[in-house]
């Protein structure tokens, strides 16, 4: 459980730092004091890539250490790459984006980020199991 909490804290902290850097570096838009847009709150790409790299990295580490890689980890790594890097972006492009290449509704921003954090937490949980029980 500690790994999950640390992961959530790092993910939220990183997202906050990114938002601060974006807000500080952009001039205001349309009379607003900041230049942030709805799409600036999207962090799912960072989290899905981090999850994919973590799953593959831990599988490689186990392999190089001469330990067997659990089949569940191989399947999860493949699915994370397949769904997170190919299918999910296509899904979002088809349903979540308007003609201006911006997300239509706040619900899509929340949904995309929730999917990203689920991928990341799944990788952490799987990684914790791999190192605890192998």
C-alpha atoms as a PDB file:
ATOM      1  CA  UNK A   1       0.000   0.000   0.000  1.00  0.00           C
ATOM      2  CA  UNK A   2       2.914   2.331   0.679  1.00  0.00           C
ATOM      3  CA  UNK A   3       4.084   2.051  -2.934  1.00  0.00           C
ATOM      4  CA  UNK A   4       0.656   3.119  -4.167  1.00  0.00           C
ATOM      5  CA  UNK A   5       0.582   6.167  -1.890  1.00  0.00           C
ATOM      6  CA  UNK A   6       4.094   7.183  -2.891  1.00  0.00           C
ATOM      7  CA  UNK A   7       3.176   6.788  -6.560  1.00  0.00           C
ATOM      8  CA  UNK A   8       0.051   8.904  -6.144  1.00  0.00           C
ATOM      9  CA  UNK A   9       2.018  11.575  -4.289  1.00  0.00           C
ATOM     10  CA  UNK A  10       4.720  11.676  -6.972  1.00  0.00           C
ATOM     11  CA  UNK A  11       2.144  11.756  -9.789  1.00  0.00           C
ATOM     12  CA  UNK A  12       0.137  14.577  -8.190  1.00  0.00           C
ATOM     13  CA  UNK A  13       3.280  16.482  -7.225  1.00  0.00           C
ATOM     14  CA  UNK A  14       4.645  16.200 -10.743  1.00  0.00           C
ATOM     15  CA  UNK A  15       1.320  17.345 -12.201  1.00  0.00           C
ATOM     16  CA  UNK A  16       1.264  20.364  -9.877  1.00  0.00           C
ATOM     17  CA  UNK A  17       4.844  21.256 -10.788  1.00  0.00           C
ATOM     18  CA  UNK A  18       3.995  21.003 -14.495  1.00  0.00           C
ATOM     19  CA  UNK A  19       0.963  23.255 -14.018  1.00  0.00           C
ATOM     20  CA  UNK A  20       3.022  25.834 -12.142  1.00  0.00           C
ATOM     21  CA  UNK A  21       5.701  25.836 -14.835  1.00  0.00           C
ATOM     22  CA  UNK A  22       3.116  26.179 -17.614  1.00  0.00           C
ATOM     23  CA  UNK A  23       1.287  28.989 -15.812  1.00  0.00           C
ATOM     24  CA  UNK A  24       4.496  30.840 -14.985  1.00  0.00           C
ATOM     25  CA  UNK A  25       5.905  30.619 -18.495  1.00  0.00           C
ATOM     26  CA  UNK A  26       2.867  31.719 -20.535  1.00  0.00           C
ATOM     27  CA  UNK A  27       1.339  35.132 -20.945  1.00  0.00           C
ATOM     28  CA  UNK A  28      -2.360  35.558 -20.139  1.00  0.00           C
ATOM     29  CA  UNK A  29      -5.045  34.676 -22.669  1.00  0.00           C
ATOM     30  CA  UNK A  30      -8.084  36.815 -23.355  1.00  0.00           C
ATOM     31  CA  UNK A  31      -7.805  39.044 -20.298  1.00  0.00           C
ATOM     32  CA  UNK A  32      -6.986  36.187 -17.927  1.00  0.00           C
ATOM     33  CA  UNK A  33      -3.951  36.297 -15.680  1.00  0.00           C
ATOM     34  CA  UNK A  34      -2.663  32.983 -17.057  1.00  0.00           C
ATOM     35  CA  UNK A  35      -2.334  31.294 -20.422  1.00  0.00           C
ATOM     36  CA  UNK A  36      -3.553  27.866 -19.363  1.00  0.00           C
ATOM     37  CA  UNK A  37      -6.092  25.901 -21.368  1.00  0.00           C
ATOM     38  CA  UNK A  38      -8.124  22.807 -20.567  1.00  0.00           C
ATOM     39  CA  UNK A  39      -5.644  20.540 -22.357  1.00  0.00           C
ATOM     40  CA  UNK A  40      -2.895  21.713 -20.010  1.00  0.00           C
ATOM     41  CA  UNK A  41      -4.517  19.575 -17.322  1.00  0.00           C
ATOM     42  CA  UNK A  42      -3.880  16.370 -19.276  1.00  0.00           C
ATOM     43  CA  UNK A  43      -1.236  14.183 -17.664  1.00  0.00           C
ATOM     44  CA  UNK A  44      -2.382  10.771 -18.861  1.00  0.00           C
ATOM     45  CA  UNK A  45       0.351  10.523 -21.486  1.00  0.00           C
ATOM     46  CA  UNK A  46       3.087  10.948 -18.880  1.00  0.00           C
ATOM     47  CA  UNK A  47       1.521   8.369 -16.608  1.00  0.00           C
ATOM     48  CA  UNK A  48       0.891   5.730 -19.288  1.00  0.00           C
ATOM     49  CA  UNK A  49       4.424   6.039 -20.648  1.00  0.00           C
ATOM     50  CA  UNK A  50       5.840   5.830 -17.110  1.00  0.00           C
ATOM     51  CA  UNK A  51       3.765   2.706 -16.450  1.00  0.00           C
ATOM     52  CA  UNK A  52       4.862   1.054 -19.687  1.00  0.00           C
ATOM     53  CA  UNK A  53       8.530   1.834 -19.072  1.00  0.00           C
ATOM     54  CA  UNK A  54       8.273   0.595 -15.467  1.00  0.00           C
ATOM     55  CA  UNK A  55       6.661  -2.697 -16.480  1.00  0.00           C
ATOM     56  CA  UNK A  56       9.142  -3.366 -19.250  1.00  0.00           C
ATOM     57  CA  UNK A  57      12.068  -2.200 -17.123  1.00  0.00           C
ATOM     58  CA  UNK A  58      11.189  -4.496 -14.251  1.00  0.00           C
ATOM     59  CA  UNK A  59      10.731  -7.413 -16.665  1.00  0.00           C
ATOM     60  CA  UNK A  60      14.173  -6.715 -18.137  1.00  0.00           C
ATOM     61  CA  UNK A  61      15.706  -6.388 -14.664  1.00  0.00           C
ATOM     62  CA  UNK A  62      14.289  -9.767 -13.663  1.00  0.00           C
ATOM     63  CA  UNK A  63      15.486 -11.326 -16.893  1.00  0.00           C
ATOM     64  CA  UNK A  64      19.019  -9.936 -16.539  1.00  0.00           C
ATOM     65  CA  UNK A  65      19.103 -11.176 -12.939  1.00  0.00           C
ATOM     66  CA  UNK A  66      18.370 -14.680 -14.213  1.00  0.00           C
ATOM     67  CA  UNK A  67      14.936 -14.797 -12.608  1.00  0.00           C
ATOM     68  CA  UNK A  68      11.851 -15.889 -14.509  1.00  0.00           C
ATOM     69  CA  UNK A  69       9.523 -13.130 -15.631  1.00  0.00           C
ATOM     70  CA  UNK A  70       5.987 -13.851 -14.431  1.00  0.00           C
ATOM     71  CA  UNK A  71       3.573 -14.415 -17.329  1.00  0.00           C
ATOM     72  CA  UNK A  72       1.162 -11.880 -15.817  1.00  0.00           C
ATOM     73  CA  UNK A  73       3.839  -9.204 -16.072  1.00  0.00           C
ATOM     74  CA  UNK A  74       4.540 -10.030 -19.706  1.00  0.00           C
ATOM     75  CA  UNK A  75       0.849  -9.845 -20.568  1.00  0.00           C
ATOM     76  CA  UNK A  76       0.378  -6.631 -18.566  1.00  0.00           C
ATOM     77  CA  UNK A  77       3.399  -5.028 -20.244  1.00  0.00           C
ATOM     78  CA  UNK A  78       2.121  -5.905 -23.688  1.00  0.00           C
ATOM     79  CA  UNK A  79      -1.414  -4.718 -22.904  1.00  0.00           C
ATOM     80  CA  UNK A  80      -0.156  -1.473 -21.369  1.00  0.00           C
ATOM     81  CA  UNK A  81       1.776  -0.698 -24.513  1.00  0.00           C
ATOM     82  CA  UNK A  82      -0.964  -1.830 -26.867  1.00  0.00           C
ATOM     83  CA  UNK A  83      -3.884  -0.132 -25.138  1.00  0.00           C
ATOM     84  CA  UNK A  84      -2.189   2.855 -23.579  1.00  0.00           C
ATOM     85  CA  UNK A  85       0.010   3.898 -26.450  1.00  0.00           C
ATOM     86  CA  UNK A  86      -2.187   3.012 -29.420  1.00  0.00           C
ATOM     87  CA  UNK A  87      -5.837   2.265 -28.651  1.00  0.00           C
ATOM     88  CA  UNK A  88      -6.506   4.877 -25.957  1.00  0.00           C
ATOM     89  CA  UNK A  89      -5.150   7.855 -27.941  1.00  0.00           C
ATOM     90  CA  UNK A  90      -7.224   6.805 -30.954  1.00  0.00           C
ATOM     91  CA  UNK A  91     -10.284   6.477 -28.715  1.00  0.00           C
ATOM     92  CA  UNK A  92      -9.730   9.976 -27.323  1.00  0.00           C
ATOM     93  CA  UNK A  93      -9.209  11.473 -30.768  1.00  0.00           C
ATOM     94  CA  UNK A  94     -12.443   9.896 -31.973  1.00  0.00           C
ATOM     95  CA  UNK A  95     -14.669  10.834 -29.037  1.00  0.00           C
ATOM     96  CA  UNK A  96     -13.116  13.469 -26.779  1.00  0.00           C
ATOM     97  CA  UNK A  97     -11.702  16.092 -29.106  1.00  0.00           C
ATOM     98  CA  UNK A  98     -13.591  18.835 -30.895  1.00  0.00           C
ATOM     99  CA  UNK A  99     -12.723  20.173 -34.326  1.00  0.00           C
ATOM    100  CA  UNK A 100     -10.302  22.704 -32.799  1.00  0.00           C
ATOM    101  CA  UNK A 101      -8.086  19.906 -31.461  1.00  0.00           C
ATOM    102  CA  UNK A 102      -9.124  20.683 -27.880  1.00  0.00           C
ATOM    103  CA  UNK A 103     -11.021  18.426 -25.523  1.00  0.00           C
ATOM    104  CA  UNK A 104     -14.706  19.220 -25.651  1.00  0.00           C
ATOM    105  CA  UNK A 105     -15.626  18.733 -21.995  1.00  0.00           C
ATOM    106  CA  UNK A 106     -13.982  18.634 -18.584  1.00  0.00           C
ATOM    107  CA  UNK A 107     -15.262  15.086 -18.131  1.00  0.00           C
ATOM    108  CA  UNK A 108     -12.895  13.872 -20.842  1.00  0.00           C
ATOM    109  CA  UNK A 109      -9.931  15.489 -19.080  1.00  0.00           C
ATOM    110  CA  UNK A 110     -10.860  13.707 -15.859  1.00  0.00           C
ATOM    111  CA  UNK A 111     -11.503  10.409 -17.666  1.00  0.00           C
ATOM    112  CA  UNK A 112      -8.201  10.515 -19.550  1.00  0.00           C
ATOM    113  CA  UNK A 113      -6.258  11.283 -16.375  1.00  0.00           C
ATOM    114  CA  UNK A 114      -8.059   8.555 -14.422  1.00  0.00           C
ATOM    115  CA  UNK A 115      -7.166   5.998 -17.086  1.00  0.00           C
ATOM    116  CA  UNK A 116      -3.554   7.181 -16.968  1.00  0.00           C
ATOM    117  CA  UNK A 117      -3.324   6.922 -13.186  1.00  0.00           C
ATOM    118  CA  UNK A 118      -4.927   3.452 -13.247  1.00  0.00           C
ATOM    119  CA  UNK A 119      -2.229   2.323 -15.691  1.00  0.00           C
ATOM    120  CA  UNK A 120       0.466   3.785 -13.444  1.00  0.00           C
ATOM    121  CA  UNK A 121      -0.928   2.283 -10.237  1.00  0.00           C
ATOM    122  CA  UNK A 122      -1.356  -1.096 -11.930  1.00  0.00           C
ATOM    123  CA  UNK A 123       2.297  -1.048 -12.921  1.00  0.00           C
ATOM    124  CA  UNK A 124       3.300  -0.201  -9.358  1.00  0.00           C
ATOM    125  CA  UNK A 125       1.130  -2.935  -7.876  1.00  0.00           C
ATOM    126  CA  UNK A 126       2.421  -5.486 -10.358  1.00  0.00           C
ATOM    127  CA  UNK A 127       6.001  -4.364  -9.780  1.00  0.00           C
ATOM    128  CA  UNK A 128       5.613  -4.641  -6.015  1.00  0.00           C
ATOM    129  CA  UNK A 129       4.277  -8.170  -6.374  1.00  0.00           C
ATOM    130  CA  UNK A 130       7.083  -9.172  -8.712  1.00  0.00           C
ATOM    131  CA  UNK A 131       9.785  -8.029  -6.316  1.00  0.00           C
ATOM    132  CA  UNK A 132       8.073  -9.288  -3.153  1.00  0.00           C
ATOM    133  CA  UNK A 133       7.231 -12.787  -4.323  1.00  0.00           C
ATOM    134  CA  UNK A 134       9.905 -13.731  -6.831  1.00  0.00           C
END
